[in-house]
C-alpha atoms as a PDB file:
ATOM      1  CA  MET A   1       6.196  11.929   2.254  1.00  0.00           C
ATOM      2  CA  PRO A   2       6.125   8.471   0.501  1.00  0.00           C
ATOM      3  CA  ALA A   3       3.473   8.334  -2.300  1.00  0.00           C
ATOM      4  CA  LEU A   4       1.905   5.584  -0.101  1.00  0.00           C
ATOM      5  CA  LEU A   5       0.855   8.073   2.219  1.00  0.00           C
ATOM      6  CA  THR A   6      -0.641  10.760  -0.042  1.00  0.00           C
ATOM      7  CA  LYS A   7      -4.029   9.733  -0.836  1.00  0.00           C
ATOM      8  CA  VAL A   8      -7.092   9.266   1.324  1.00  0.00           C
ATOM      9  CA  GLY A   9     -10.123   7.205   0.197  1.00  0.00           C
ATOM     10  CA  SER A  10     -11.114   3.415  -0.083  1.00  0.00           C
ATOM     11  CA  VAL A  11      -9.218   0.693  -1.990  1.00  0.00           C
ATOM     12  CA  LYS A  12     -10.945  -2.256  -3.394  1.00  0.00           C
ATOM     13  CA  ALA A  13      -9.462  -5.557  -2.893  1.00  0.00           C
ATOM     14  CA  GLY A  14     -10.864  -8.880  -4.382  1.00  0.00           C
ATOM     15  CA  GLY A  15     -14.422  -7.186  -4.729  1.00  0.00           C
ATOM     16  CA  ALA A  16     -14.254  -6.091  -0.967  1.00  0.00           C
ATOM     17  CA  LEU A  17     -14.110  -2.338   0.024  1.00  0.00           C
ATOM     18  CA  MET A  18     -11.369  -1.282   2.534  1.00  0.00           C
ATOM     19  CA  SER A  19     -13.043   1.458   4.227  1.00  0.00           C
ATOM     20  CA  ALA A  20     -11.691   4.891   4.264  1.00  0.00           C
ATOM     21  CA  GLU A  21     -11.236   4.739   8.041  1.00  0.00           C
ATOM     22  CA  ARG A  22      -8.982   1.669   7.808  1.00  0.00           C
ATOM     23  CA  VAL A  23      -7.002   3.467   4.825  1.00  0.00           C
ATOM     24  CA  GLN A  24      -6.383   6.449   7.107  1.00  0.00           C
ATOM     25  CA  ALA A  25      -5.461   4.425  10.041  1.00  0.00           C
ATOM     26  CA  SER A  26      -2.995   2.423   8.039  1.00  0.00           C
ATOM     27  CA  ARG A  27      -1.449   5.581   6.942  1.00  0.00           C
ATOM     28  CA  ALA A  28      -1.381   7.161  10.405  1.00  0.00           C
ATOM     29  CA  ARG A  29       0.324   4.147  11.726  1.00  0.00           C
ATOM     30  CA  ALA A  30       2.844   4.236   8.707  1.00  0.00           C
ATOM     31  CA  ILE A  31       3.797   7.839   9.581  1.00  0.00           C
ATOM     32  CA  GLN A  32       4.229   7.055  13.484  1.00  0.00           C
ATOM     33  CA  THR A  33       6.122   3.733  13.014  1.00  0.00           C
ATOM     34  CA  GLY A  34       7.194   3.482   9.284  1.00  0.00           C
ATOM     35  CA  GLU A  35       5.203   0.271   9.144  1.00  0.00           C
ATOM     36  CA  VAL A  36       2.409  -0.122   6.396  1.00  0.00           C
ATOM     37  CA  ASP A  37      -0.650  -2.456   7.002  1.00  0.00           C
ATOM     38  CA  VAL A  38      -0.118  -5.739   4.997  1.00  0.00           C
ATOM     39  CA  LEU A  39      -3.712  -5.758   3.713  1.00  0.00           C
ATOM     40  CA  TYR A  40      -3.404  -2.223   2.587  1.00  0.00           C
ATOM     41  CA  LEU A  41      -0.250  -3.106   0.496  1.00  0.00           C
ATOM     42  CA  PHE A  42      -2.028  -6.240  -0.804  1.00  0.00           C
ATOM     43  CA  ALA A  43      -5.187  -4.175  -1.878  1.00  0.00           C
ATOM     44  CA  ARG A  44      -2.932  -1.796  -3.704  1.00  0.00           C
ATOM     45  CA  ALA A  45      -1.066  -4.527  -5.347  1.00  0.00           C
ATOM     46  CA  ILE A  46      -4.349  -5.941  -6.722  1.00  0.00           C
ATOM     47  CA  GLU A  47      -5.366  -2.347  -7.857  1.00  0.00           C
ATOM     48  CA  TRP A  48      -1.882  -1.963  -9.628  1.00  0.00           C
ATOM     49  CA  ARG A  49      -2.563  -5.368 -11.389  1.00  0.00           C
ATOM     50  CA  ARG A  50      -5.925  -4.029 -12.521  1.00  0.00           C
ATOM     51  CA  GLY A  51      -4.138  -1.037 -14.109  1.00  0.00           C
ATOM     52  CA  SER A  52      -3.855   1.648 -11.363  1.00  0.00           C
ATOM     53  CA  ASP A  53      -0.702   3.531 -11.996  1.00  0.00           C
ATOM     54  CA  ASP A  54      -1.282   5.221  -8.506  1.00  0.00           C
ATOM     55  CA  ALA A  55      -1.240   1.766  -6.824  1.00  0.00           C
ATOM     56  CA  GLY A  56       2.053   0.842  -8.474  1.00  0.00           C
ATOM     57  CA  TRP A  57       3.699   4.111  -7.350  1.00  0.00           C
ATOM     58  CA  GLU A  58       2.370   3.444  -3.868  1.00  0.00           C
ATOM     59  CA  LEU A  59       4.034   0.164  -3.729  1.00  0.00           C
ATOM     60  CA  MET A  60       7.228   1.734  -5.144  1.00  0.00           C
ATOM     61  CA  GLY A  61       7.109   4.154  -2.307  1.00  0.00           C
ATOM     62  CA  ALA A  62       6.869   1.281   0.198  1.00  0.00           C
ATOM     63  CA  LEU A  63      10.166   0.196  -1.080  1.00  0.00           C
ATOM     64  CA  ALA A  64      11.758   3.272   0.764  1.00  0.00           C
ATOM     65  CA  SER A  65       9.934   2.473   4.095  1.00  0.00           C
ATOM     66  CA  SER A  66      12.309   2.297   7.171  1.00  0.00           C
ATOM     67  CA  GLU A  67      10.441  -0.831   8.145  1.00  0.00           C
ATOM     68  CA  ARG A  68      12.272  -3.759   6.645  1.00  0.00           C
ATOM     69  CA  GLY A  69       9.244  -5.964   6.733  1.00  0.00           C
ATOM     70  CA  THR A  70       7.322  -3.291   4.654  1.00  0.00           C
ATOM     71  CA  ARG A  71      10.224  -3.099   2.145  1.00  0.00           C
ATOM     72  CA  MET A  72      10.292  -6.870   1.689  1.00  0.00           C
ATOM     73  CA  LEU A  73       6.445  -7.187   1.246  1.00  0.00           C
ATOM     74  CA  ALA A  74       6.402  -4.508  -1.291  1.00  0.00           C
ATOM     75  CA  GLU A  75       9.273  -6.084  -3.222  1.00  0.00           C
ATOM     76  CA  ALA A  76       7.539  -9.554  -3.204  1.00  0.00           C
ATOM     77  CA  LEU A  77       4.315  -7.968  -4.362  1.00  0.00           C
ATOM     78  CA  LEU A  78       5.859  -6.163  -7.194  1.00  0.00           C
ATOM     79  CA  GLU A  79       7.781  -9.107  -8.425  1.00  0.00           C
ATOM     80  CA  ALA A  80       4.773 -11.437  -8.095  1.00  0.00           C
ATOM     81  CA  ILE A  81       2.577  -9.095 -10.015  1.00  0.00           C
ATOM     82  CA  GLY A  82       4.951  -7.287 -12.243  1.00  0.00           C
END
């Protein structure tokens, strides 16, 4: 299972809080379809920029997604923030 799908909780993005329910729904959809919620990836990119190693690893895990769009977004976020 990709690192992206291993944690349950809330993700802060730009001062807003992404609910645990939204995070869980994003993970469930990723498991079923291979597609990850764009807002979830963006929120994790923000967390990575703020110093969260876990968030960076989740973005790296998204690079291995079966969904081309997810891989492209993860790559773009890692390049833009890294």
